[in-house]
Amino acid sequence: MTRGNQREKDRERAQARTGKGKKGKDDGLTPEQRRERDAKALQEKTAKKATKDAGGSNAGTKDTKK
């Protein structure tokens, strides 16, 4: 028992570290609300990509006529 209270201090530090970067399920939403939020974000992302693809469809073609 030469460590004294070092073990307790290490446990406190480890607990503090895990509490800082916690992300995800602590957003206060129910699973249904989370699904709706994620579905909406996915729809916005796909719509944005579709508009980007539609607007830049001629960007990769070369004009070979001289």
Protein backbone atom coordinates (compact mmCIF):
# COMPACT_ATOMS: atom_id res chain seq x y z
CA MET A 1 0.00 0.00 0.00
CA THR A 2 2.65 2.47 -0.96
CA ARG A 3 0.39 4.39 -3.31
CA GLY A 4 -1.69 6.12 -0.67
CA ASN A 5 -4.61 7.98 -2.21
CA GLN A 6 -3.06 8.04 -5.70
CA ARG A 7 -5.48 5.38 -6.90
CA GLU A 8 -8.47 7.48 -5.86
CA LYS A 9 -7.03 10.56 -7.55
CA ASP A 10 -6.46 8.59 -10.75
CA ARG A 11 -10.07 7.41 -10.70
CA GLU A 12 -11.30 10.97 -10.29
CA ARG A 13 -9.14 12.17 -13.16
CA ALA A 14 -10.32 9.34 -15.40
CA GLN A 15 -13.94 10.09 -14.58
CA ALA A 16 -13.41 13.77 -15.37
CA ARG A 17 -11.81 12.94 -18.72
CA THR A 18 -14.65 10.69 -19.83
CA GLY A 19 -17.26 13.28 -18.87
CA LYS A 20 -15.77 16.07 -21.01
CA GLY A 21 -15.95 14.57 -24.47
CA LYS A 22 -19.30 12.90 -24.01
CA LYS A 23 -21.45 13.36 -27.05
CA GLY A 24 -24.37 11.62 -28.60
CA LYS A 25 -27.24 10.29 -26.54
CA ASP A 26 -27.17 13.08 -23.97
CA ASP A 27 -28.99 15.47 -26.29
CA GLY A 28 -32.28 15.10 -24.40
CA LEU A 29 -34.21 13.70 -27.35
CA THR A 30 -36.30 10.57 -27.53
CA PRO A 31 -35.25 7.96 -30.10
CA GLU A 32 -38.15 8.99 -32.32
CA GLN A 33 -37.18 12.68 -32.21
CA ARG A 34 -33.58 11.73 -32.94
CA ARG A 35 -34.66 9.69 -35.99
CA GLU A 36 -36.73 12.60 -37.29
CA ARG A 37 -33.84 15.01 -36.81
CA ASP A 38 -31.40 12.69 -38.54
CA ALA A 39 -33.79 12.00 -41.42
CA LYS A 40 -34.28 15.73 -41.98
CA ALA A 41 -30.52 16.32 -41.97
CA LEU A 42 -30.03 13.48 -44.47
CA GLN A 43 -32.71 14.88 -46.77
CA GLU A 44 -31.09 18.31 -46.69
CA LYS A 45 -27.70 16.78 -47.43
CA THR A 46 -28.97 14.77 -50.40
CA ALA A 47 -30.88 17.78 -51.76
CA LYS A 48 -27.77 19.92 -51.52
CA LYS A 49 -25.71 17.28 -53.30
CA ALA A 50 -28.37 16.91 -56.02
CA THR A 51 -28.34 20.64 -56.73
CA LYS A 52 -24.55 20.65 -56.80
CA ASP A 53 -24.46 17.74 -59.24
CA ALA A 54 -27.13 19.28 -61.46
CA GLY A 55 -25.39 22.64 -61.61
CA GLY A 56 -21.91 21.33 -62.34
CA SER A 57 -22.79 18.60 -64.84
CA ASN A 58 -20.88 20.29 -67.71
CA ALA A 59 -17.79 21.02 -65.67
CA GLY A 60 -16.02 17.77 -66.50
CA THR A 61 -16.60 17.78 -70.29
CA LYS A 62 -14.07 19.02 -72.79
CA ASP A 63 -14.92 20.99 -75.88
CA THR A 64 -13.17 19.15 -78.70
CA LYS A 65 -14.55 21.33 -81.53
CA LYS A 66 -12.09 23.74 -83.12
